[in-house]
C-alpha cells in the first residue's frame, strides 16, 4: 500500500501533495496546514477535496483509506 500511495501522491501538484501530507500524515488541522503553507483555510479545504478525488482516481485500490472528513 505504501508504494501504491507514494505513486499516487506523485500524480498530485506539489501544493496538493503538501496539503495531503500535512493533513493526513502529520495530522495537522486545516488552520495549521494553511499557516504552514501560507495559504487560506479555504484553499486547504478545496485542495484537500480535489487531491483526494485525484488520489482515488489514480489508485482506486486505496479508496477505503482515502476518506474525506465532513
Protein backbone atom coordinates (compact mmCIF):
# COMPACT_ATOMS: atom_id res chain seq x y z
CA UNK A 1 0.00 0.00 0.00
CA UNK A 2 2.80 2.40 0.80
CA UNK A 3 4.34 2.13 -2.66
CA UNK A 4 0.92 2.50 -4.23
CA UNK A 5 0.23 5.60 -2.13
CA UNK A 6 3.61 7.15 -2.97
CA UNK A 7 2.99 6.55 -6.67
CA UNK A 8 -0.48 8.12 -6.39
CA UNK A 9 0.90 11.12 -4.46
CA UNK A 10 3.33 11.71 -7.31
CA UNK A 11 0.34 12.45 -9.57
CA UNK A 12 -0.56 15.50 -7.47
CA UNK A 13 0.78 19.01 -7.78
CA UNK A 14 3.35 19.98 -5.13
CA UNK A 15 0.77 22.05 -3.22
CA UNK A 16 -1.81 19.25 -3.32
CA UNK A 17 0.77 16.75 -2.11
CA UNK A 18 1.83 19.08 0.70
CA UNK A 19 -1.77 19.56 1.83
CA UNK A 20 -2.42 15.80 1.93
CA UNK A 21 0.83 15.03 3.75
CA UNK A 22 0.32 17.78 6.32
CA UNK A 23 -3.34 16.95 6.92
CA UNK A 24 -3.19 13.16 6.98
CA UNK A 25 0.41 12.14 7.65
CA UNK A 26 1.35 14.96 10.03
CA UNK A 27 -2.21 15.19 11.39
CA UNK A 28 -2.34 18.99 11.21
CA UNK A 29 -5.63 20.87 11.34
CA UNK A 30 -6.86 22.83 8.34
CA UNK A 31 -5.83 26.05 10.08
CA UNK A 32 -2.34 24.76 10.92
CA UNK A 33 -1.87 23.42 7.39
CA UNK A 34 -2.87 26.80 5.99
CA UNK A 35 -0.38 28.55 8.29
CA UNK A 36 2.49 26.22 7.35
CA UNK A 37 1.80 26.65 3.62
CA UNK A 38 0.94 30.36 3.81
CA UNK A 39 -2.45 29.87 2.17
CA UNK A 40 -6.07 30.41 3.20
CA UNK A 41 -8.03 27.75 5.09
CA UNK A 42 -10.50 27.68 2.19
CA UNK A 43 -7.64 26.79 -0.14
CA UNK A 44 -6.65 23.91 2.14
CA UNK A 45 -10.24 22.65 2.04
CA UNK A 46 -10.56 22.88 -1.74
CA UNK A 47 -7.13 21.38 -2.35
CA UNK A 48 -7.88 18.52 0.03
CA UNK A 49 -11.14 17.75 -1.77
CA UNK A 50 -9.51 17.86 -5.21
CA UNK A 51 -6.45 15.91 -4.08
CA UNK A 52 -8.45 13.09 -2.51
CA UNK A 53 -10.51 12.79 -5.68
CA UNK A 54 -7.35 12.61 -7.78
CA UNK A 55 -5.82 10.02 -5.45
CA UNK A 56 -8.95 7.86 -5.67
CA UNK A 57 -8.74 8.03 -9.45
CA UNK A 58 -5.00 7.28 -9.51
CA UNK A 59 -5.23 4.41 -7.03
CA UNK A 60 -8.76 3.02 -6.66
CA UNK A 61 -7.30 0.20 -4.57
CA UNK A 62 -6.74 2.75 -1.80
CA UNK A 63 -10.31 4.06 -1.77
CA UNK A 64 -11.02 2.59 1.68
CA UNK A 65 -8.07 4.52 3.10
CA UNK A 66 -8.77 7.81 1.31
CA UNK A 67 -11.69 9.42 3.03
CA UNK A 68 -12.71 12.99 3.48
CA UNK A 69 -13.76 14.39 6.82
CA UNK A 70 -17.15 16.01 6.96
